[in-house]
N, C-alpha and C. Protein backbone atom coordinates (compact mmCIF):
# COMPACT_ATOMS: atom_id res chain seq x y z
N MET A 1 -0.27 14.40 7.66
CA MET A 1 0.13 12.86 7.62
C MET A 1 -0.66 12.35 8.92
N LYS A 2 -1.53 11.37 8.57
CA LYS A 2 -2.19 10.54 9.61
C LYS A 2 -1.43 9.36 10.32
N ILE A 3 -1.25 9.41 11.66
CA ILE A 3 -0.54 8.46 12.28
C ILE A 3 -1.28 7.64 13.25
N LEU A 4 -1.25 6.19 13.09
CA LEU A 4 -1.92 5.41 14.02
C LEU A 4 -0.91 4.87 15.09
N ALA A 5 -1.23 5.20 16.25
CA ALA A 5 -0.13 4.77 17.38
C ALA A 5 -0.87 3.83 18.35
N LEU A 6 -0.06 3.00 18.97
CA LEU A 6 -0.56 2.16 19.97
C LEU A 6 0.47 1.82 21.07
N ASP A 7 -0.01 1.51 22.33
CA ASP A 7 0.93 1.11 23.34
C ASP A 7 0.26 -0.10 24.15
N SER A 8 0.94 -1.14 24.25
CA SER A 8 0.18 -2.24 25.03
C SER A 8 1.36 -2.78 25.93
N THR A 9 2.38 -2.10 26.45
CA THR A 9 3.50 -2.44 27.09
C THR A 9 3.33 -2.85 28.58
N ALA A 10 2.06 -2.29 29.16
CA ALA A 10 1.71 -2.65 30.57
C ALA A 10 0.29 -2.86 30.48
N LYS A 11 -0.29 -2.68 31.63
CA LYS A 11 -1.74 -2.91 31.94
C LYS A 11 -2.72 -2.27 31.10
N THR A 12 -2.40 -0.97 30.59
CA THR A 12 -3.27 -0.05 29.82
C THR A 12 -3.06 -0.54 28.23
N SER A 13 -4.11 -0.70 27.64
CA SER A 13 -4.13 -0.85 26.15
C SER A 13 -4.57 0.64 25.76
N THR A 14 -3.96 1.15 24.71
CA THR A 14 -4.18 2.51 24.26
C THR A 14 -3.90 2.67 22.74
N VAL A 15 -4.79 3.28 21.95
CA VAL A 15 -4.61 3.53 20.70
C VAL A 15 -5.09 4.88 20.22
N ALA A 16 -4.27 5.62 19.38
CA ALA A 16 -4.58 6.94 19.08
C ALA A 16 -4.38 7.13 17.53
N VAL A 17 -5.07 8.17 17.09
CA VAL A 17 -4.86 8.59 15.67
C VAL A 17 -4.64 9.98 15.67
N LEU A 18 -3.40 10.41 14.95
CA LEU A 18 -3.09 11.83 15.01
C LEU A 18 -3.05 12.38 13.58
N GLU A 19 -3.21 13.66 13.47
CA GLU A 19 -2.95 14.43 12.20
C GLU A 19 -1.61 15.04 12.42
N ASN A 20 -0.33 14.77 12.10
CA ASN A 20 0.80 15.21 12.35
C ASN A 20 0.97 15.04 13.85
N ASP A 21 1.04 15.94 14.77
CA ASP A 21 1.12 15.83 16.07
C ASP A 21 -0.05 16.34 16.94
N THR A 22 -1.23 16.50 16.02
CA THR A 22 -2.52 16.93 16.69
C THR A 22 -3.44 15.64 16.84
N LEU A 23 -3.94 15.61 17.99
CA LEU A 23 -4.74 14.42 18.35
C LEU A 23 -6.00 14.43 17.70
N LEU A 24 -6.56 13.27 16.90
CA LEU A 24 -7.73 13.16 16.41
C LEU A 24 -8.71 12.43 17.24
N GLY A 25 -8.22 11.43 17.79
CA GLY A 25 -8.94 10.40 18.63
C GLY A 25 -7.93 9.59 19.49
N LEU A 26 -8.51 9.22 20.77
CA LEU A 26 -7.69 8.59 21.65
C LEU A 26 -8.71 7.45 22.35
N TYR A 27 -8.23 6.23 22.46
CA TYR A 27 -9.05 5.24 23.04
C TYR A 27 -8.19 4.31 23.88
N SER A 28 -8.44 4.43 25.30
CA SER A 28 -7.59 3.65 26.29
C SER A 28 -8.49 2.96 27.12
N ALA A 29 -8.02 1.75 27.43
CA ALA A 29 -8.64 0.82 28.38
C ALA A 29 -7.75 0.14 29.41
N ASN A 30 -7.90 0.20 30.80
CA ASN A 30 -7.09 -0.28 31.87
C ASN A 30 -7.58 -1.71 32.20
N ILE A 31 -7.35 -2.67 31.13
CA ILE A 31 -7.75 -3.94 31.36
C ILE A 31 -6.65 -4.93 31.18
N GLN A 32 -6.19 -5.42 32.28
CA GLN A 32 -4.88 -6.15 32.40
C GLN A 32 -5.00 -7.62 31.60
N ASN A 33 -3.95 -7.74 30.81
CA ASN A 33 -3.52 -9.09 30.14
C ASN A 33 -4.60 -9.46 29.09
N THR A 34 -5.27 -8.55 28.52
CA THR A 34 -6.13 -8.82 27.33
C THR A 34 -5.78 -8.14 26.09
N HIS A 35 -4.63 -7.76 25.90
CA HIS A 35 -4.26 -6.93 24.77
C HIS A 35 -4.53 -7.74 23.48
N SER A 36 -4.39 -8.84 23.51
CA SER A 36 -4.51 -9.72 22.16
C SER A 36 -6.05 -9.74 21.71
N GLU A 37 -6.81 -9.50 22.74
CA GLU A 37 -8.42 -9.37 22.54
C GLU A 37 -8.82 -8.02 22.18
N THR A 38 -8.19 -7.10 22.85
CA THR A 38 -8.66 -5.69 22.80
C THR A 38 -8.14 -4.73 21.66
N LEU A 39 -6.91 -4.97 21.40
CA LEU A 39 -6.06 -3.96 20.41
C LEU A 39 -6.82 -3.88 19.17
N LEU A 40 -6.97 -4.93 18.52
CA LEU A 40 -7.56 -4.80 17.06
C LEU A 40 -8.97 -4.18 16.99
N PRO A 41 -9.89 -4.69 18.06
CA PRO A 41 -11.09 -3.97 18.15
C PRO A 41 -11.22 -2.38 18.50
N MET A 42 -10.19 -2.12 19.35
CA MET A 42 -9.92 -0.69 19.64
C MET A 42 -9.58 0.07 18.38
N VAL A 43 -8.50 -0.51 17.61
CA VAL A 43 -8.19 0.13 16.35
C VAL A 43 -9.29 0.22 15.50
N LYS A 44 -10.16 -0.82 15.22
CA LYS A 44 -11.33 -0.63 14.42
C LYS A 44 -12.40 0.30 14.76
N SER A 45 -12.45 0.44 16.04
CA SER A 45 -13.54 1.29 16.67
C SER A 45 -13.03 2.82 16.41
N ILE A 46 -11.89 3.12 16.71
CA ILE A 46 -11.41 4.45 16.65
C ILE A 46 -11.39 4.90 15.19
N LEU A 47 -10.88 3.89 14.35
CA LEU A 47 -10.97 4.34 12.76
C LEU A 47 -12.39 4.67 12.33
N GLU A 48 -13.29 3.84 12.77
CA GLU A 48 -14.66 3.85 12.29
C GLU A 48 -15.25 5.20 13.00
N SER A 49 -14.86 5.61 14.10
CA SER A 49 -15.40 6.64 14.72
C SER A 49 -14.92 8.00 14.08
N LEU A 50 -13.69 7.92 13.41
CA LEU A 50 -13.12 9.06 12.81
C LEU A 50 -13.47 9.08 11.22
N LYS A 51 -14.25 7.86 10.83
CA LYS A 51 -14.62 7.70 9.48
C LYS A 51 -13.34 7.60 8.52
N LEU A 52 -12.49 6.75 8.97
CA LEU A 52 -11.36 6.50 8.39
C LEU A 52 -11.07 4.90 8.16
N THR A 53 -10.33 4.58 7.36
CA THR A 53 -9.89 3.06 7.22
C THR A 53 -8.40 2.92 7.30
N ASN A 54 -7.83 1.72 7.35
CA ASN A 54 -6.46 1.65 7.57
C ASN A 54 -5.73 2.18 6.19
N ASP A 55 -6.39 2.21 5.09
CA ASP A 55 -5.78 2.65 3.96
C ASP A 55 -5.43 4.20 4.22
N ASP A 56 -6.12 4.81 5.04
CA ASP A 56 -6.08 6.42 5.26
C ASP A 56 -4.92 6.55 6.14
N ILE A 57 -4.46 5.58 6.69
CA ILE A 57 -3.06 5.83 7.63
C ILE A 57 -1.75 5.92 6.84
N ASP A 58 -1.15 6.97 7.10
CA ASP A 58 0.21 7.36 6.38
C ASP A 58 1.39 6.74 7.07
N ALA A 59 1.23 6.57 8.51
CA ALA A 59 2.35 5.95 9.17
C ALA A 59 1.90 5.32 10.44
N TYR A 60 2.75 4.37 10.95
CA TYR A 60 2.35 3.56 12.28
C TYR A 60 3.50 3.80 13.25
N ALA A 61 2.96 3.79 14.59
CA ALA A 61 3.87 3.97 15.64
C ALA A 61 3.44 3.10 16.71
N VAL A 62 4.54 2.36 17.59
CA VAL A 62 4.11 1.62 18.49
C VAL A 62 5.20 1.72 19.59
N SER A 63 4.80 1.54 20.90
CA SER A 63 5.74 1.49 21.97
C SER A 63 6.56 0.12 21.85
N GLU A 64 7.82 0.24 21.73
CA GLU A 64 8.64 -1.00 21.48
C GLU A 64 9.19 -1.69 22.69
N GLY A 65 8.81 -1.07 23.82
CA GLY A 65 9.42 -1.70 25.14
C GLY A 65 10.40 -0.50 25.78
N PRO A 66 10.64 -0.83 26.97
CA PRO A 66 10.45 -1.92 27.85
C PRO A 66 9.11 -2.12 28.39
N GLY A 67 8.89 -3.09 29.06
CA GLY A 67 7.53 -3.44 29.64
C GLY A 67 7.37 -4.91 29.69
N SER A 68 6.01 -5.21 29.76
CA SER A 68 5.57 -6.80 29.81
C SER A 68 6.03 -7.21 28.62
N PHE A 69 6.80 -8.43 28.62
CA PHE A 69 7.29 -9.13 27.37
C PHE A 69 6.05 -9.44 26.50
N THR A 70 5.14 -9.92 27.06
CA THR A 70 3.86 -10.27 26.17
C THR A 70 3.28 -9.17 25.49
N GLY A 71 3.07 -8.07 26.37
CA GLY A 71 2.37 -6.83 26.04
C GLY A 71 3.26 -6.23 24.79
N VAL A 72 4.39 -6.06 24.94
CA VAL A 72 5.38 -5.54 23.97
C VAL A 72 5.33 -6.37 22.72
N ARG A 73 5.37 -7.70 22.63
CA ARG A 73 5.20 -8.39 21.54
C ARG A 73 3.89 -8.39 20.97
N ILE A 74 2.87 -8.08 21.64
CA ILE A 74 1.58 -8.09 20.96
C ILE A 74 1.36 -6.82 20.26
N GLY A 75 1.88 -5.65 20.95
CA GLY A 75 1.81 -4.14 20.21
C GLY A 75 2.53 -4.21 18.95
N VAL A 76 3.76 -4.74 18.92
CA VAL A 76 4.67 -4.74 17.80
C VAL A 76 4.07 -5.69 16.72
N ALA A 77 3.62 -6.74 17.12
CA ALA A 77 2.95 -7.79 16.12
C ALA A 77 1.73 -7.16 15.54
N THR A 78 0.91 -6.33 16.32
CA THR A 78 -0.25 -5.82 15.85
C THR A 78 -0.02 -4.75 14.76
N ILE A 79 1.04 -3.84 14.96
CA ILE A 79 1.43 -2.71 14.04
C ILE A 79 2.09 -3.48 12.81
N LYS A 80 2.82 -4.41 13.11
CA LYS A 80 3.27 -5.15 11.77
C LYS A 80 2.18 -5.66 10.96
N GLY A 81 1.20 -6.30 11.57
CA GLY A 81 -0.05 -6.77 10.83
C GLY A 81 -0.75 -5.66 10.03
N LEU A 82 -1.07 -4.57 10.70
CA LEU A 82 -1.55 -3.44 10.24
C LEU A 82 -0.82 -2.89 8.89
N ALA A 83 0.55 -2.75 9.10
CA ALA A 83 1.32 -2.21 8.17
C ALA A 83 1.82 -3.24 7.08
N PHE A 84 1.47 -4.40 7.05
CA PHE A 84 2.03 -5.60 6.34
C PHE A 84 1.69 -5.05 4.82
N SER A 85 2.87 -5.24 4.09
CA SER A 85 2.63 -4.95 2.58
C SER A 85 2.15 -3.63 2.07
N ARG A 86 2.10 -2.64 3.00
CA ARG A 86 1.42 -1.24 2.60
C ARG A 86 2.71 -0.33 2.35
N ASN A 87 3.95 -0.70 2.55
CA ASN A 87 5.07 0.22 2.30
C ASN A 87 4.92 1.52 2.82
N LYS A 88 4.55 1.58 4.12
CA LYS A 88 4.23 2.80 4.88
C LYS A 88 5.27 2.71 6.14
N PRO A 89 5.61 3.95 6.51
CA PRO A 89 6.80 4.00 7.54
C PRO A 89 6.29 3.59 8.89
N CYS A 90 7.04 2.93 9.57
CA CYS A 90 6.77 2.28 11.10
C CYS A 90 7.87 2.94 11.95
N VAL A 91 7.40 3.43 13.16
CA VAL A 91 8.18 3.96 14.18
C VAL A 91 8.06 3.26 15.60
N GLY A 92 9.21 2.88 16.11
CA GLY A 92 9.20 2.34 17.39
C GLY A 92 9.55 3.25 18.37
N VAL A 93 8.89 3.51 19.50
CA VAL A 93 9.06 4.54 20.51
C VAL A 93 9.32 3.91 21.93
N SER A 94 10.28 4.37 22.53
CA SER A 94 10.52 3.93 23.95
C SER A 94 9.39 4.18 24.74
N THR A 95 9.08 3.07 25.46
CA THR A 95 7.97 3.28 26.53
C THR A 95 8.16 4.37 27.55
N ILE A 96 9.52 4.36 27.95
CA ILE A 96 9.86 5.34 28.91
C ILE A 96 9.81 6.72 28.34
N GLU A 97 10.40 6.78 27.10
CA GLU A 97 10.18 8.32 26.53
C GLU A 97 8.67 8.72 26.41
N ALA A 98 7.79 7.71 25.96
CA ALA A 98 6.52 8.10 25.85
C ALA A 98 5.79 8.46 27.08
N LEU A 99 6.26 7.82 28.21
CA LEU A 99 5.58 8.08 29.51
C LEU A 99 6.05 9.51 29.88
N ALA A 100 7.34 9.90 29.78
CA ALA A 100 7.96 11.11 29.99
C ALA A 100 7.13 12.09 29.24
N GLU A 101 6.75 11.85 27.95
CA GLU A 101 5.90 12.86 27.17
C GLU A 101 4.66 13.36 27.87
N ASN A 102 4.05 12.29 28.47
CA ASN A 102 2.80 12.63 29.25
C ASN A 102 2.97 13.83 30.07
N LEU A 103 4.30 14.13 30.67
CA LEU A 103 4.67 15.36 31.60
C LEU A 103 5.47 16.23 30.89
N ALA A 104 5.32 16.45 29.77
CA ALA A 104 6.14 17.33 28.84
C ALA A 104 5.83 18.75 29.51
N GLY A 105 6.97 19.62 29.62
CA GLY A 105 6.79 20.84 30.25
C GLY A 105 6.90 20.94 31.66
N THR A 106 7.13 19.95 32.40
CA THR A 106 7.07 19.80 33.80
C THR A 106 8.46 20.22 34.21
N GLU A 107 8.55 21.16 35.30
CA GLU A 107 9.74 21.60 35.81
C GLU A 107 10.25 20.60 36.84
N GLY A 108 11.41 20.18 36.79
CA GLY A 108 11.97 19.18 37.76
C GLY A 108 12.42 17.86 37.24
N VAL A 109 12.33 16.79 37.97
CA VAL A 109 12.87 15.36 37.30
C VAL A 109 11.38 14.73 36.98
N VAL A 110 11.49 14.23 35.89
CA VAL A 110 10.28 13.26 35.38
C VAL A 110 10.92 11.77 35.19
N CYS A 111 10.47 10.92 36.06
CA CYS A 111 10.98 9.65 36.00
C CYS A 111 10.07 8.55 35.82
N PRO A 112 9.84 8.06 34.61
CA PRO A 112 8.89 6.80 34.40
C PRO A 112 9.60 5.58 35.03
N ILE A 113 8.76 4.83 35.66
CA ILE A 113 9.10 3.57 36.12
C ILE A 113 8.18 2.41 35.86
N MET A 114 8.64 1.25 35.48
CA MET A 114 7.80 0.20 35.22
C MET A 114 8.24 -1.01 35.95
N ASN A 115 7.33 -1.72 36.51
CA ASN A 115 7.75 -2.88 37.37
C ASN A 115 8.35 -3.88 36.90
N ALA A 116 9.61 -4.27 36.98
CA ALA A 116 10.44 -5.25 36.42
C ALA A 116 10.51 -6.27 37.43
N ARG A 117 9.92 -6.33 38.50
CA ARG A 117 9.90 -7.46 39.54
C ARG A 117 11.23 -7.51 40.28
N ARG A 118 11.38 -8.29 41.29
CA ARG A 118 12.55 -8.58 42.09
C ARG A 118 13.23 -7.19 42.55
N GLY A 119 12.37 -6.24 42.81
CA GLY A 119 12.84 -4.94 43.28
C GLY A 119 13.43 -4.02 42.29
N GLN A 120 13.26 -4.48 40.80
CA GLN A 120 13.92 -3.70 39.89
C GLN A 120 12.78 -3.01 39.09
N VAL A 121 13.21 -1.83 38.39
CA VAL A 121 12.28 -1.12 37.61
C VAL A 121 12.99 -0.92 36.23
N TYR A 122 12.21 -0.89 35.20
CA TYR A 122 12.60 -0.22 33.83
C TYR A 122 12.42 1.27 34.10
N THR A 123 13.46 1.95 33.64
CA THR A 123 13.37 3.56 33.95
C THR A 123 14.29 4.28 32.94
N GLY A 124 14.19 5.57 33.25
CA GLY A 124 15.01 6.46 32.43
C GLY A 124 14.54 7.73 33.24
N ALA A 125 15.37 8.84 33.02
CA ALA A 125 14.89 10.08 33.73
C ALA A 125 15.31 11.42 33.09
N PHE A 126 14.61 12.42 33.19
CA PHE A 126 14.64 13.66 32.45
C PHE A 126 14.70 14.91 33.53
N LEU A 127 15.47 15.88 33.33
CA LEU A 127 15.59 16.90 34.13
C LEU A 127 15.27 18.16 33.22
N ASN A 128 13.99 18.69 33.61
CA ASN A 128 13.58 19.87 32.71
C ASN A 128 13.56 19.49 31.34
N GLY A 129 13.13 18.32 30.96
CA GLY A 129 12.90 17.89 29.68
C GLY A 129 14.27 17.26 28.97
N GLU A 130 15.32 17.31 29.52
CA GLU A 130 16.63 16.75 29.06
C GLU A 130 16.98 15.44 29.93
N ARG A 131 17.18 14.55 28.97
CA ARG A 131 17.34 13.01 29.57
C ARG A 131 18.91 13.05 30.26
N PHE A 132 18.80 12.51 31.53
CA PHE A 132 20.06 12.36 32.24
C PHE A 132 20.32 10.79 32.64
N ILE A 133 19.37 9.97 32.47
CA ILE A 133 19.38 8.52 32.68
C ILE A 133 18.75 7.88 31.47
N ASP A 134 19.55 7.08 30.74
CA ASP A 134 19.12 6.33 29.57
C ASP A 134 18.16 5.12 29.96
N ASP A 135 17.45 4.76 29.25
CA ASP A 135 16.58 3.44 29.47
C ASP A 135 17.47 2.33 29.99
N CYS A 136 16.93 1.75 31.13
CA CYS A 136 17.73 0.78 31.76
C CYS A 136 16.80 -0.06 32.73
N CYS A 137 17.38 -1.23 33.30
CA CYS A 137 16.69 -2.00 34.37
C CYS A 137 17.60 -1.84 35.50
N MET A 138 17.11 -1.30 36.58
CA MET A 138 18.00 -1.20 37.80
C MET A 138 17.13 -1.37 39.07
N MET A 139 17.82 -1.59 40.24
CA MET A 139 17.20 -1.52 41.48
C MET A 139 16.52 -0.20 41.76
N LEU A 140 15.22 -0.26 42.29
CA LEU A 140 14.62 1.03 42.56
C LEU A 140 15.37 1.82 43.70
N ASP A 141 15.83 1.05 44.69
CA ASP A 141 16.56 1.82 45.82
C ASP A 141 17.95 2.38 45.31
N GLU A 142 18.42 1.79 44.25
CA GLU A 142 19.62 2.57 43.63
C GLU A 142 19.23 3.80 42.89
N LEU A 143 18.02 3.78 42.28
CA LEU A 143 17.57 4.84 41.47
C LEU A 143 17.19 6.08 42.18
N ILE A 144 16.50 5.85 43.25
CA ILE A 144 15.99 6.90 44.16
C ILE A 144 17.18 7.99 44.46
N PRO A 145 18.25 7.65 45.09
CA PRO A 145 19.20 8.54 45.42
C PRO A 145 19.72 9.42 44.29
N MET A 146 19.72 8.77 43.03
CA MET A 146 20.21 9.57 41.78
C MET A 146 19.21 10.66 41.45
N LEU A 147 18.04 10.53 41.80
CA LEU A 147 17.04 11.52 41.61
C LEU A 147 17.00 12.55 42.57
N GLU A 148 17.16 12.19 43.91
CA GLU A 148 17.13 13.17 45.03
C GLU A 148 18.27 14.08 44.93
N ASN A 149 19.39 13.54 44.43
CA ASN A 149 20.63 14.30 44.42
C ASN A 149 20.46 15.68 43.38
N LYS A 150 19.40 15.72 42.72
CA LYS A 150 19.26 16.82 41.89
C LYS A 150 18.63 17.90 42.53
N GLY A 151 18.03 17.61 43.66
CA GLY A 151 17.48 18.72 44.70
C GLY A 151 16.31 19.55 44.15
N VAL A 152 15.41 18.79 43.21
CA VAL A 152 14.35 19.47 42.50
C VAL A 152 13.02 18.62 42.84
N PRO A 153 11.92 19.11 42.50
CA PRO A 153 10.80 18.17 42.47
C PRO A 153 10.84 16.92 41.61
N ILE A 154 10.36 15.81 42.07
CA ILE A 154 10.44 14.67 41.37
C ILE A 154 9.05 14.04 41.17
N TYR A 155 8.71 13.62 39.77
CA TYR A 155 7.66 13.30 39.56
C TYR A 155 7.73 11.86 38.74
N PHE A 156 7.00 10.97 39.29
CA PHE A 156 7.06 9.47 38.80
C PHE A 156 5.72 9.33 37.89
N ASN A 157 5.80 8.36 36.95
CA ASN A 157 4.48 7.80 36.44
C ASN A 157 4.98 6.36 35.70
N GLY A 158 3.94 5.72 35.35
CA GLY A 158 4.30 4.32 34.85
C GLY A 158 3.60 3.37 35.72
N ASP A 159 3.57 1.98 35.38
CA ASP A 159 2.91 1.00 36.07
C ASP A 159 3.65 0.70 37.48
N GLY A 160 4.86 1.32 37.68
CA GLY A 160 5.45 1.10 38.93
C GLY A 160 5.21 2.27 39.90
N TYR A 161 4.27 3.02 39.49
CA TYR A 161 4.14 4.24 40.43
C TYR A 161 3.95 3.93 41.80
N ASP A 162 3.10 2.93 42.05
CA ASP A 162 2.62 2.52 43.57
C ASP A 162 3.95 2.12 44.30
N LEU A 163 5.04 1.64 43.62
CA LEU A 163 6.38 1.10 44.31
C LEU A 163 6.91 2.34 44.98
N VAL A 164 6.71 3.66 44.65
CA VAL A 164 7.37 4.66 45.36
C VAL A 164 6.63 5.37 46.57
N LEU A 165 5.29 4.95 46.62
CA LEU A 165 4.51 5.81 47.52
C LEU A 165 4.88 5.57 49.09
N ASP A 166 5.55 4.51 49.32
CA ASP A 166 5.89 4.31 50.69
C ASP A 166 7.55 4.51 50.87
N LYS A 167 8.02 5.24 49.98
CA LYS A 167 9.62 5.22 50.22
C LYS A 167 10.12 6.59 50.74
N ASN A 168 9.40 7.41 51.07
CA ASN A 168 9.58 8.80 51.73
C ASN A 168 10.76 9.47 50.96
N ILE A 169 10.53 9.72 49.84
CA ILE A 169 11.35 10.26 48.78
C ILE A 169 11.36 11.99 48.93
N ALA A 170 12.50 12.37 49.00
CA ALA A 170 12.67 13.90 49.17
C ALA A 170 12.32 14.61 47.88
N ASN A 171 11.37 15.61 48.05
CA ASN A 171 10.85 16.43 46.92
C ASN A 171 9.95 15.52 46.06
N PHE A 172 9.44 14.46 46.50
CA PHE A 172 8.36 13.79 45.75
C PHE A 172 7.18 14.59 45.60
N ARG A 173 6.65 14.46 44.37
CA ARG A 173 5.32 15.20 44.03
C ARG A 173 4.44 14.05 43.41
N HIS A 174 3.10 14.33 43.76
CA HIS A 174 2.15 13.23 43.17
C HIS A 174 2.00 13.65 41.70
N THR A 175 1.74 12.71 40.82
CA THR A 175 1.32 12.82 39.51
C THR A 175 -0.22 12.50 39.31
N PRO A 176 -0.84 13.39 38.67
CA PRO A 176 -2.36 13.11 38.54
C PRO A 176 -2.57 11.67 37.90
N GLU A 177 -3.51 11.13 38.25
CA GLU A 177 -3.66 9.76 37.82
C GLU A 177 -3.71 9.50 36.18
N LEU A 178 -4.34 10.35 35.61
CA LEU A 178 -4.48 10.34 34.15
C LEU A 178 -3.17 10.27 33.46
N LEU A 179 -2.19 10.91 34.17
CA LEU A 179 -0.91 11.05 33.40
C LEU A 179 0.18 9.89 33.82
N ARG A 180 -0.38 8.96 34.74
CA ARG A 180 0.49 7.87 35.16
C ARG A 180 0.62 6.81 34.32
N TYR A 181 -0.49 6.71 33.28
CA TYR A 181 -0.47 5.56 32.48
C TYR A 181 -0.12 5.84 31.10
N GLN A 182 0.31 4.68 30.22
CA GLN A 182 0.64 4.99 28.87
C GLN A 182 -0.36 5.82 28.18
N SER A 183 -0.07 6.37 27.18
CA SER A 183 -0.93 7.13 26.31
C SER A 183 -0.33 7.04 24.88
N ALA A 184 -1.16 6.52 23.98
CA ALA A 184 -0.90 6.31 22.61
C ALA A 184 -0.61 7.63 22.03
N TYR A 185 -1.17 8.65 22.58
CA TYR A 185 -0.98 10.09 21.95
C TYR A 185 0.36 10.46 22.14
N SER A 186 0.96 10.10 23.39
CA SER A 186 2.44 10.49 23.59
C SER A 186 3.21 9.78 22.63
N VAL A 187 2.89 8.40 22.44
CA VAL A 187 3.60 7.65 21.33
C VAL A 187 3.66 8.25 20.03
N GLY A 188 2.49 8.69 19.59
CA GLY A 188 2.31 9.32 18.25
C GLY A 188 2.91 10.71 18.24
N LYS A 189 3.04 11.50 19.14
CA LYS A 189 3.64 12.70 19.19
C LYS A 189 5.23 12.58 18.99
N ILE A 190 5.80 11.61 19.77
CA ILE A 190 7.15 11.33 19.51
C ILE A 190 7.46 10.75 18.29
N ALA A 191 6.68 9.84 17.81
CA ALA A 191 6.79 9.27 16.36
C ALA A 191 6.78 10.17 15.44
N TYR A 192 5.86 11.30 15.50
CA TYR A 192 5.82 12.36 14.44
C TYR A 192 7.25 13.06 14.25
N LYS A 193 7.84 13.41 15.43
CA LYS A 193 9.08 14.01 15.50
C LYS A 193 10.11 13.09 14.68
N LYS A 194 10.06 11.74 15.00
CA LYS A 194 10.98 10.86 14.26
C LYS A 194 10.57 10.74 12.77
N LEU A 195 9.35 10.92 12.48
CA LEU A 195 9.08 10.73 11.09
C LEU A 195 9.63 11.81 10.22
N ILE A 196 9.54 13.04 10.79
CA ILE A 196 9.97 14.40 9.98
C ILE A 196 11.46 14.40 9.87
N SER A 197 12.15 13.53 10.89
CA SER A 197 13.65 13.43 10.83
C SER A 197 14.05 12.07 10.03
N SER A 198 13.10 11.44 9.43
CA SER A 198 13.44 10.32 8.81
C SER A 198 13.91 9.13 9.47
N GLU A 199 13.46 8.99 10.86
CA GLU A 199 13.90 7.97 11.78
C GLU A 199 12.80 6.96 11.75
N TYR A 200 12.62 6.30 10.80
CA TYR A 200 11.61 5.12 10.77
C TYR A 200 12.17 3.99 9.97
N VAL A 201 11.26 2.81 10.03
CA VAL A 201 11.77 1.46 9.33
C VAL A 201 10.51 0.98 8.60
N SER A 202 10.77 -0.05 7.92
CA SER A 202 9.68 -0.73 7.34
C SER A 202 8.93 -1.66 8.44
N ASP A 203 7.85 -2.33 8.09
CA ASP A 203 7.31 -3.30 9.13
C ASP A 203 8.04 -4.42 9.35
N THR A 204 8.82 -4.87 8.41
CA THR A 204 9.60 -6.02 8.54
C THR A 204 10.86 -5.85 9.58
N ASN A 205 11.16 -4.43 9.54
CA ASN A 205 12.48 -4.25 10.34
C ASN A 205 12.08 -3.79 11.77
N LEU A 206 10.75 -3.64 12.01
CA LEU A 206 10.45 -2.97 13.46
C LEU A 206 10.64 -4.16 14.32
N ARG A 207 11.31 -3.43 15.45
CA ARG A 207 11.93 -4.48 16.43
C ARG A 207 11.43 -4.12 17.88
N VAL A 208 11.55 -5.00 18.91
CA VAL A 208 11.19 -4.75 20.24
C VAL A 208 12.45 -4.44 21.00
N GLU A 209 12.21 -3.82 22.21
CA GLU A 209 13.33 -3.60 23.22
C GLU A 209 12.86 -4.02 24.56
N TYR A 210 13.49 -5.21 24.96
CA TYR A 210 13.18 -5.76 26.18
C TYR A 210 14.06 -5.17 27.45
N LEU A 211 15.25 -4.80 26.99
CA LEU A 211 16.33 -4.40 28.26
C LEU A 211 16.71 -5.54 29.02
N ARG A 212 16.03 -6.56 29.02
CA ARG A 212 16.61 -7.71 29.78
C ARG A 212 15.82 -9.01 29.18
N LYS A 213 16.37 -10.10 29.63
CA LYS A 213 15.76 -11.39 29.04
C LYS A 213 14.48 -11.74 29.91
N ALA A 214 13.66 -12.49 29.23
CA ALA A 214 12.26 -12.83 29.78
C ALA A 214 12.80 -13.69 31.05
N GLN A 215 11.72 -13.77 31.83
CA GLN A 215 11.93 -14.37 33.16
C GLN A 215 12.19 -15.91 32.88
N ALA A 216 11.48 -16.60 31.98
CA ALA A 216 11.64 -17.92 31.60
C ALA A 216 13.15 -18.26 31.24
N GLU A 217 13.81 -17.24 30.47
CA GLU A 217 15.09 -17.54 29.98
C GLU A 217 15.98 -17.42 31.09
N ARG A 218 15.81 -16.26 32.00
CA ARG A 218 16.70 -16.13 33.16
C ARG A 218 16.76 -17.36 34.23
N GLU A 219 15.42 -17.86 34.39
CA GLU A 219 15.28 -19.12 35.25
C GLU A 219 15.98 -20.29 34.60
N ARG A 220 15.96 -20.37 33.30
CA ARG A 220 16.53 -21.57 32.65
C ARG A 220 18.06 -21.37 32.73
N GLU A 221 18.62 -20.26 32.64
CA GLU A 221 20.03 -20.11 32.71
C GLU A 221 20.51 -20.34 34.10
N GLU A 222 19.67 -19.85 35.13
CA GLU A 222 20.03 -20.18 36.40
C GLU A 222 20.16 -21.47 36.80
N ARG A 223 19.21 -22.49 36.25
CA ARG A 223 19.02 -23.90 36.47
C ARG A 223 20.21 -24.40 35.83
N LEU A 224 20.64 -24.05 34.63
CA LEU A 224 21.79 -24.61 33.94
C LEU A 224 23.08 -24.18 34.63
N GLY A 225 23.13 -22.94 35.19
CA GLY A 225 24.32 -22.58 35.85
C GLY A 225 24.52 -23.47 37.08
N GLY A 226 23.47 -23.68 37.85
CA GLY A 226 23.48 -24.53 39.06
C GLY A 226 24.04 -26.02 38.89
N LYS A 227 24.02 -26.47 37.51
CA LYS A 227 24.61 -27.76 37.38
C LYS A 227 26.15 -27.68 36.94
N ASN A 228 26.59 -26.62 36.89
CA ASN A 228 28.06 -26.50 36.62
C ASN A 228 28.92 -26.53 37.77
């Protein structure tokens, strides 16, 4: 089974092609806010380099969020476009789960964090590979004690990585830079597990997961609330 996977939920644009859970090709670019311009050319390039076409793809996978509202929408819309009318399975993968997959096999706490602004992060956490915090949006200062209480090494990744560097966190361990960013390979590996468990949808039913409302919506509600 050939799987085309991508992630554009933060600064990194990343596209991968897998044969089941084996990587065939990976293309990543750390270019901020240009996903609408870069994703499709990246898909075209990686398929051409593997001497494949979109017709050779058996399933599609995408990071469905949380993350940048624009980036999440672009990624899901790109997969919908590629899968349109092909009657092939599509899989949405949690950005947090995919980031944690970068550090699969790590002993201790793995905690992806994505900058949600206002002191908040999108996050989730895993202890020796087992999840103990579901995907959520919370204050970083509330999250840290929950991790320290485990008394084991703590590894962070995601676009919020720099937020923890000056926090003096007990048992903090540095994550190699290459493993801090989103990887479409990790998205594809998780998608493969879901595919063999029949956890997939059609392109029309593929959805995004924001975890909270967009900033524009929140500001509008705040303005309207101030009028009451």
